[in-house]
Amino acid sequence: MPAEKSIALISGSETGIGASLVCKLVQEGFDVIMACKDVEAGRRTAGSVTGNFPGRVLRILPLDLTDPQSIHGLAHTVHQEMDQQINVLVDSAAVFIDDWTAEVYNLSLRPNFKSNLL
């Protein structure tokens, strides 16, 4: 169990591994910031989690890892508006595409690699 008010930020938290991690970290006592490209899907995931863990906080913030302004906006919101320390950071957002072309390859590099450098 983490110390009181331990906070995790998870990108790609609306589906898949990210959504599973939201559930697990909430179960472990974390409040979670869900950084989601699809905010509506994030709301659905949060709704399925919060009913089972009263008292835990899930905040959904928009994040598009292909857009540097979105990344900086999330950082600004967390730092300035929320004034909270992130104890756990999970970058589970990714893109998987079956039909590879040079353009698609470059597009997939943004969320899968380049966003981590921003």
C-alpha atoms as a PDB file:
ATOM      1  CA  MET A   1       0.000   0.000   0.000  1.00  0.00           C
ATOM      2  CA  PRO A   2       1.493   3.369  -0.964  1.00  0.00           C
ATOM      3  CA  ALA A   3       1.827   6.325   1.362  1.00  0.00           C
ATOM      4  CA  GLU A   4      -1.265   8.514   1.617  1.00  0.00           C
ATOM      5  CA  LYS A   5      -2.011  10.494  -1.554  1.00  0.00           C
ATOM      6  CA  SER A   6       0.323   8.502  -3.781  1.00  0.00           C
ATOM      7  CA  ILE A   7      -0.442   9.347  -7.375  1.00  0.00           C
ATOM      8  CA  ALA A   8       0.139   7.408 -10.583  1.00  0.00           C
ATOM      9  CA  LEU A   9      -0.084   8.880 -14.083  1.00  0.00           C
ATOM     10  CA  ILE A  10      -0.820   6.366 -16.822  1.00  0.00           C
ATOM     11  CA  SER A  11      -0.880   7.199 -20.525  1.00  0.00           C
ATOM     12  CA  GLY A  12      -2.979   4.995 -22.775  1.00  0.00           C
ATOM     13  CA  SER A  13      -5.091   4.206 -19.737  1.00  0.00           C
ATOM     14  CA  GLU A  14      -8.438   3.965 -21.486  1.00  0.00           C
ATOM     15  CA  THR A  15      -7.929   0.446 -22.910  1.00  0.00           C
ATOM     16  CA  GLY A  16      -5.721  -2.624 -22.804  1.00  0.00           C
ATOM     17  CA  ILE A  17      -2.736  -2.814 -20.508  1.00  0.00           C
ATOM     18  CA  GLY A  18      -3.177   0.787 -19.405  1.00  0.00           C
ATOM     19  CA  ALA A  19      -6.759   0.155 -18.260  1.00  0.00           C
ATOM     20  CA  SER A  20      -5.643  -2.969 -16.392  1.00  0.00           C
ATOM     21  CA  LEU A  21      -2.934  -0.954 -14.662  1.00  0.00           C
ATOM     22  CA  VAL A  22      -5.479   1.674 -13.620  1.00  0.00           C
ATOM     23  CA  CYS A  23      -7.503  -1.029 -11.885  1.00  0.00           C
ATOM     24  CA  LYS A  24      -4.446  -2.599 -10.253  1.00  0.00           C
ATOM     25  CA  LEU A  25      -2.980   0.679  -8.981  1.00  0.00           C
ATOM     26  CA  VAL A  26      -6.338   1.863  -7.637  1.00  0.00           C
ATOM     27  CA  GLN A  27      -6.653  -1.495  -5.902  1.00  0.00           C
ATOM     28  CA  GLU A  28      -3.196  -0.901  -4.389  1.00  0.00           C
ATOM     29  CA  GLY A  29      -4.345   2.459  -2.994  1.00  0.00           C
ATOM     30  CA  PHE A  30      -3.162   4.934  -5.615  1.00  0.00           C
ATOM     31  CA  ASP A  31      -5.104   7.875  -6.956  1.00  0.00           C
ATOM     32  CA  VAL A  32      -4.676   7.777 -10.738  1.00  0.00           C
ATOM     33  CA  ILE A  33      -4.393  10.413 -13.437  1.00  0.00           C
ATOM     34  CA  MET A  34      -5.605   8.796 -16.630  1.00  0.00           C
ATOM     35  CA  ALA A  35      -3.928  10.462 -19.627  1.00  0.00           C
ATOM     36  CA  CYS A  36      -6.172   9.495 -22.533  1.00  0.00           C
ATOM     37  CA  LYS A  37      -6.305  10.173 -26.246  1.00  0.00           C
ATOM     38  CA  ASP A  38      -9.917   8.939 -26.238  1.00  0.00           C
ATOM     39  CA  VAL A  39     -11.375  10.774 -23.243  1.00  0.00           C
ATOM     40  CA  GLU A  40     -14.803   9.125 -23.609  1.00  0.00           C
ATOM     41  CA  ALA A  41     -13.223   5.657 -23.459  1.00  0.00           C
ATOM     42  CA  GLY A  42     -11.286   6.870 -20.422  1.00  0.00           C
ATOM     43  CA  ARG A  43     -14.542   7.876 -18.731  1.00  0.00           C
ATOM     44  CA  ARG A  44     -15.977   4.419 -19.370  1.00  0.00           C
ATOM     45  CA  THR A  45     -12.878   2.766 -17.908  1.00  0.00           C
ATOM     46  CA  ALA A  46     -12.917   5.078 -14.886  1.00  0.00           C
ATOM     47  CA  GLY A  47     -16.602   4.345 -14.337  1.00  0.00           C
ATOM     48  CA  SER A  48     -15.966   0.615 -14.248  1.00  0.00           C
ATOM     49  CA  VAL A  49     -13.178   1.084 -11.681  1.00  0.00           C
ATOM     50  CA  THR A  50     -14.464   3.736  -9.272  1.00  0.00           C
ATOM     51  CA  GLY A  51     -17.538   1.802  -8.154  1.00  0.00           C
ATOM     52  CA  ASN A  52     -15.330  -0.943  -6.751  1.00  0.00           C
ATOM     53  CA  PHE A  53     -12.940   1.359  -4.880  1.00  0.00           C
ATOM     54  CA  PRO A  54     -14.728   4.190  -3.068  1.00  0.00           C
ATOM     55  CA  GLY A  55     -12.480   6.990  -1.891  1.00  0.00           C
ATOM     56  CA  ARG A  56      -9.969   6.637  -4.719  1.00  0.00           C
ATOM     57  CA  VAL A  57      -9.617   9.500  -7.168  1.00  0.00           C
ATOM     58  CA  LEU A  58      -9.378   9.010 -10.921  1.00  0.00           C
ATOM     59  CA  ARG A  59      -8.825  12.150 -12.960  1.00  0.00           C
ATOM     60  CA  ILE A  60      -9.048  11.955 -16.731  1.00  0.00           C
ATOM     61  CA  LEU A  61      -6.896  14.347 -18.745  1.00  0.00           C
ATOM     62  CA  PRO A  62      -6.573  14.515 -22.531  1.00  0.00           C
ATOM     63  CA  LEU A  63      -3.253  13.437 -24.033  1.00  0.00           C
ATOM     64  CA  ASP A  64      -2.274  12.916 -27.656  1.00  0.00           C
ATOM     65  CA  LEU A  65       1.309  11.675 -27.737  1.00  0.00           C
ATOM     66  CA  THR A  66       1.619  12.621 -31.407  1.00  0.00           C
ATOM     67  CA  ASP A  67       1.106  16.294 -30.486  1.00  0.00           C
ATOM     68  CA  PRO A  68       3.893  18.066 -28.539  1.00  0.00           C
ATOM     69  CA  GLN A  69       1.448  20.775 -27.405  1.00  0.00           C
ATOM     70  CA  SER A  70      -0.788  18.114 -25.872  1.00  0.00           C
ATOM     71  CA  ILE A  71       2.175  16.619 -24.007  1.00  0.00           C
ATOM     72  CA  HIS A  72       3.282  20.007 -22.689  1.00  0.00           C
ATOM     73  CA  GLY A  73      -0.339  20.860 -21.818  1.00  0.00           C
ATOM     74  CA  LEU A  74      -0.656  17.735 -19.694  1.00  0.00           C
ATOM     75  CA  ALA A  75       2.620  18.524 -17.931  1.00  0.00           C
ATOM     76  CA  HIS A  76       1.435  22.083 -17.270  1.00  0.00           C
ATOM     77  CA  THR A  77      -1.911  20.880 -15.883  1.00  0.00           C
ATOM     78  CA  VAL A  78      -0.309  18.367 -13.549  1.00  0.00           C
ATOM     79  CA  HIS A  79       2.410  20.764 -12.390  1.00  0.00           C
ATOM     80  CA  GLN A  80       0.585  24.097 -12.181  1.00  0.00           C
ATOM     81  CA  GLU A  81      -3.090  23.350 -11.694  1.00  0.00           C
ATOM     82  CA  MET A  82      -2.938  20.146  -9.700  1.00  0.00           C
ATOM     83  CA  ASP A  83       0.330  20.836  -7.858  1.00  0.00           C
ATOM     84  CA  GLN A  84       0.802  17.141  -7.219  1.00  0.00           C
ATOM     85  CA  GLN A  85       3.839  14.920  -7.215  1.00  0.00           C
ATOM     86  CA  ILE A  86       3.645  11.904  -9.473  1.00  0.00           C
ATOM     87  CA  ASN A  87       4.902   8.820  -7.638  1.00  0.00           C
ATOM     88  CA  VAL A  88       4.458   6.354 -10.511  1.00  0.00           C
ATOM     89  CA  LEU A  89       4.594   7.117 -14.242  1.00  0.00           C
ATOM     90  CA  VAL A  90       3.490   4.460 -16.732  1.00  0.00           C
ATOM     91  CA  ASP A  91       3.707   5.115 -20.466  1.00  0.00           C
ATOM     92  CA  SER A  92       1.439   2.433 -21.881  1.00  0.00           C
ATOM     93  CA  ALA A  93       0.219   4.418 -24.889  1.00  0.00           C
ATOM     94  CA  ALA A  94       1.348   2.887 -28.155  1.00  0.00           C
ATOM     95  CA  VAL A  95       0.353   2.400 -31.749  1.00  0.00           C
ATOM     96  CA  PHE A  96       0.317  -0.937 -33.524  1.00  0.00           C
ATOM     97  CA  ILE A  97      -0.322  -0.958 -37.255  1.00  0.00           C
ATOM     98  CA  ASP A  98      -0.368  -4.005 -39.520  1.00  0.00           C
ATOM     99  CA  ASP A  99       0.138  -2.253 -42.863  1.00  0.00           C
ATOM    100  CA  TRP A 100       3.638  -0.760 -42.666  1.00  0.00           C
ATOM    101  CA  THR A 101       4.738   1.992 -45.022  1.00  0.00           C
ATOM    102  CA  ALA A 102       7.409   4.634 -44.478  1.00  0.00           C
ATOM    103  CA  GLU A 103       4.725   7.187 -43.579  1.00  0.00           C
ATOM    104  CA  VAL A 104       3.003   4.822 -41.148  1.00  0.00           C
ATOM    105  CA  TYR A 105       6.351   3.907 -39.608  1.00  0.00           C
ATOM    106  CA  ASN A 106       7.138   7.574 -38.957  1.00  0.00           C
ATOM    107  CA  LEU A 107       3.651   8.131 -37.550  1.00  0.00           C
ATOM    108  CA  SER A 108       4.076   5.230 -35.133  1.00  0.00           C
ATOM    109  CA  LEU A 109       7.397   6.613 -33.885  1.00  0.00           C
ATOM    110  CA  ARG A 110       5.678   9.640 -32.339  1.00  0.00           C
ATOM    111  CA  PRO A 111       3.713   7.889 -29.590  1.00  0.00           C
ATOM    112  CA  ASN A 112       5.947   4.820 -29.332  1.00  0.00           C
ATOM    113  CA  PHE A 113       9.320   6.549 -29.090  1.00  0.00           C
ATOM    114  CA  LYS A 114       9.550  10.293 -29.663  1.00  0.00           C
ATOM    115  CA  SER A 115       6.953  11.277 -27.055  1.00  0.00           C
ATOM    116  CA  ASN A 116       9.162   9.844 -24.306  1.00  0.00           C
ATOM    117  CA  LEU A 117      11.856  12.339 -25.269  1.00  0.00           C
ATOM    118  CA  LEU A 118       9.551  15.335 -24.890  1.00  0.00           C
END
